[in-house]
Amino acid sequence: MLRLTKSPVLRKNVCRNLALRSTDIVRSQPTSILNTPARFCIGNCTNSRIHTLQTRNYVSLHANNADQRPALEQFGTNLTQLAQEGKLDPVIGRDDEIARSIQILSRRTKNNPILIGRAGVGKTSLIDGLAQRIISGQVPDSLKDKKLVALDLGALVAGAKYRGEFEERLKNVLEEIDKSNGEVIVFIDEVHMLLGLGKTDGSMDASNILKPRLAKGLRCLSATTIDEFKIIEKDPALTRRLQPIMLNEPNVPDTISILRGLKERYEVHHGVRITDAALVSAATLSNRYINDRFLPDKAIDLVDEACAVLRLQHESKPDVIQSLDRAMTRIQIELESLKKETDPLSLERKTALEEDLEVKKAEHSRLTEVWEKEKAEIDSIKNAKADLEQARIDLEIAQRENNFAKASELRYAKIPELEKKVAHTQEKDAEKNLLHDSVTSDDISKVIAKMTGIPVQTVLKGDKDRLLFMETSLKERVVGQDEAIDAISDAVRLQRAGLTSEKRPIASFMFLGPTGTGKTELTKALAEFLFDNESNVIRFDMSEFQEKHTVSRLIGAPPGYVMSESGGQLTEAVRRKPYAVVLFDEFEKAHPDVCKVLLQVLDEGKLTDSQGHQVDFRNTMIVMTSNIGQDILLSDTDLGNDGKVSQRTQAKVIDAMKRSYPPEFINRIDDMLVFNRLSKKVLRLIVDIRLKEIQDRIADKRMKLELTDAAKEWLTEHGYDQLYGARPLNRLIHKKILNPMAMYMLKGQVRPEETVHVDVVDGQISVKANHIEGEAITSEKEV
């Protein structure tokens, strides 16, 4: 440790010399100096002071060594240069919007077009199209040879730690644009982020820095969505400097044209072929089934993912070779276990396994050779297409540069040769057996089925046979309601055939009838038939919506109320599961205002929640159940032995329904179906259905259940109740059969593969496992 005199002048000189020396150290080893703590003290000059001097010198030196590129190059992307190199995808259509942008850019002041549209409609692609037109010279003289630069707002903010650093970066960018004398056009994506960007105490945000230049000749293109443009509108001074251009979602034919223009780029990237039918399917199916996104973005994503799936199949072994691998592994494991066995059966088994292994090895070698050959052919096609694409880009560059010799060589020699090579390899490619090399409409359908969760048969239109026999499928689960099932099947077939309005739900029904007649069960059966899953039922117990204020729970609380940002129970459920049966159970218990909420759903197939978001109901089936008219049905004197309700009684029930709800609500329901009361004959069929369900549940426990005809008749007789329908039968089965079976299972008295017998003994149900000696468990015993 050094000690100096108390002279302040001397201390000051020594500190200055040490600071200069530390600068030399920093120059030689700038990183290690900060990691090395100070180990000396000079009088009152502390370690921290010396360390601060060193740090400042380090920061100053590295600031001088920072990126010395122009600010536009650091914080922007030159789109015209990318277009010149052929790295931008072709832009199809949007001619009117591009022409409008050019007109605004040609103004003297406020020449700042802002593209406004939904996410995915092609705002950024329009800018790419403008860059390509500038390069190709398809613009007015005032825009020829201009440089279009996309400004990266994130790069401007990243690393700006000190106050004023962000403003300095933005100022440098604007000064470079000013010095270019109008040669640079800047593009700002997500321009709404300018408001508040870089804002700190006592400083301006980016929008306030830009405003003066936006009004005085700065050519600035920008883009934002419709919702986010509302943020900009809150600043009138900024809004008046921007000229809006609305971009609407393209229709399906225009989307197909866009996909055809992009087809070659995706074929080259993935090394696959894309059929025209796949492009048409991508546009039509995405428009039909993907409702929360917009064309053409969602159609392009479909094609891209289908190509990626096929590409991954090419890069992995075919299923038949993987199956052989697994079979050979199993044989080799078994041979290892038989090595030490000497008995005749083991030796015979070993010989058979060795012969089988040799056969499989030969087949494996043959298929592997075929697979590698086909894979090499696909790679050859991919390389040939890539060479052809690059040759076409080189041709465009040569024509722009007036290099006629190179352009002539490419046009009349190299490109025709590559085209012949691609055509020849594709002809050979058509003979492949193991690898599927083309993206077809079926591939698109499978991808959209995975994205949306709907059955692939629905998308493939391969469920025509199922629809023709829909009644048979539903009647296997719900019995005694043939008229209701027939009406529902007709409505579904109309919708699937495309003969009904696409703006409405699949269908909407009001199920009327006494409790326990199968209304809810039919709803579950519909969900399983239409969407392959019984859980695709969105159920609402309408007894929870009896009060007026509870109705808002369906679509969400208004702004300013508690939980106003959480969304509605109905709208959020359908948003998460757009392919489902929406069940409003016990609808007569709901407040009358619920009908007003559902009017838009039943008529237009959509519902707007409290946040202003539209939820699509076109792929849902609306089912409402009600017990209105139950007293009329129970007092029906025209009831037949089969339980069918007469036409006169049905009319009375429907009249009671019409008196309970407003006409505009009744008029929007597709059909009101009156369910029949259950007869004993129908209940006997329900006994078989319930027992089959029990057998399916205990199958994984390796148990079986057998009932005699006498036991089934006993359950039918004792489970029949005109007032409560089939529900007493369910309770009876639980009490008389399932409870005794549970006793056997918990005591370990049911062996694997054993059958539990159910019969009638002395007028009571008797349950007994077939290996147990002695008395069975009867319904009279305590269980």
Foldseek 3Di string as FASTA:
>chain_A
DDEDDPDPVVVVVVLVVLLVVLLVVCVVPVPVVLVDFDDDDYVPCDSVNSSVSNVVSSVVVVVVVPDPDQLLVQFKDFLLVCLLQVNAADDPDPPVVLVVLLVLLPDQFLSEAEEEAAPAQQPVVSVSNNSNCLLLVVHDPLQHQAIEIEGHLVSLQPPQDDQPSSVVSVVSVVVVCVVVVSRYAYEYEQVLVQVPDSDDPPDHGRLVVCLVVLGGNHHYYYYDYPVSVVSVVVPVSSVVSYDYDYRYFDALVSLLVRCVSRQLVLCLVLLFAEDSQQSSLLSVVCVQQVDPHTPPRSSVVLVNVLSVVQSVCLVDDFPVLVVLVVVLVVLVVLLVVLPPPDDPVSVVVNVVSVVVNVVSVVVNVVVVVLSVVLSVLSVQLSVLSVVLVSLVSVLSSCVSVVVVVSNCCSVPPVNVVSVVVNVVSVVVNVPRDRGDRYRHNLSSLVSSCVVQVADSCLSVVVCPVCLVCVLVQLCLFAPQFSVVSVVVSVLQVCVSVVNDDLQAASAEEEEEEFAARCQVVSQLSVFCSGGVHSVLEAEDAQLQAQDPVCLLLQQADAPPDPRRVVGHPNQVVCQVRVAGEYEHEANLNHHQCNLVQCLCRLPRQWGAGNVRDIGGNHNYYYYYYHHQLHVLLVPDPPQDQQQDDDPVSVVVRVVSVPVSHDPSSVVSHPYYGYGGFHHLVRLLSVLVSVQVVVQVVCVVVQEAEDEDPQQSNLLSVVQDDRRNYRVSSVVVCCQFPVVLVVVCVVVVNADHNWYWYWYADPNWIFIGTPVDDDGTDTSVDDD
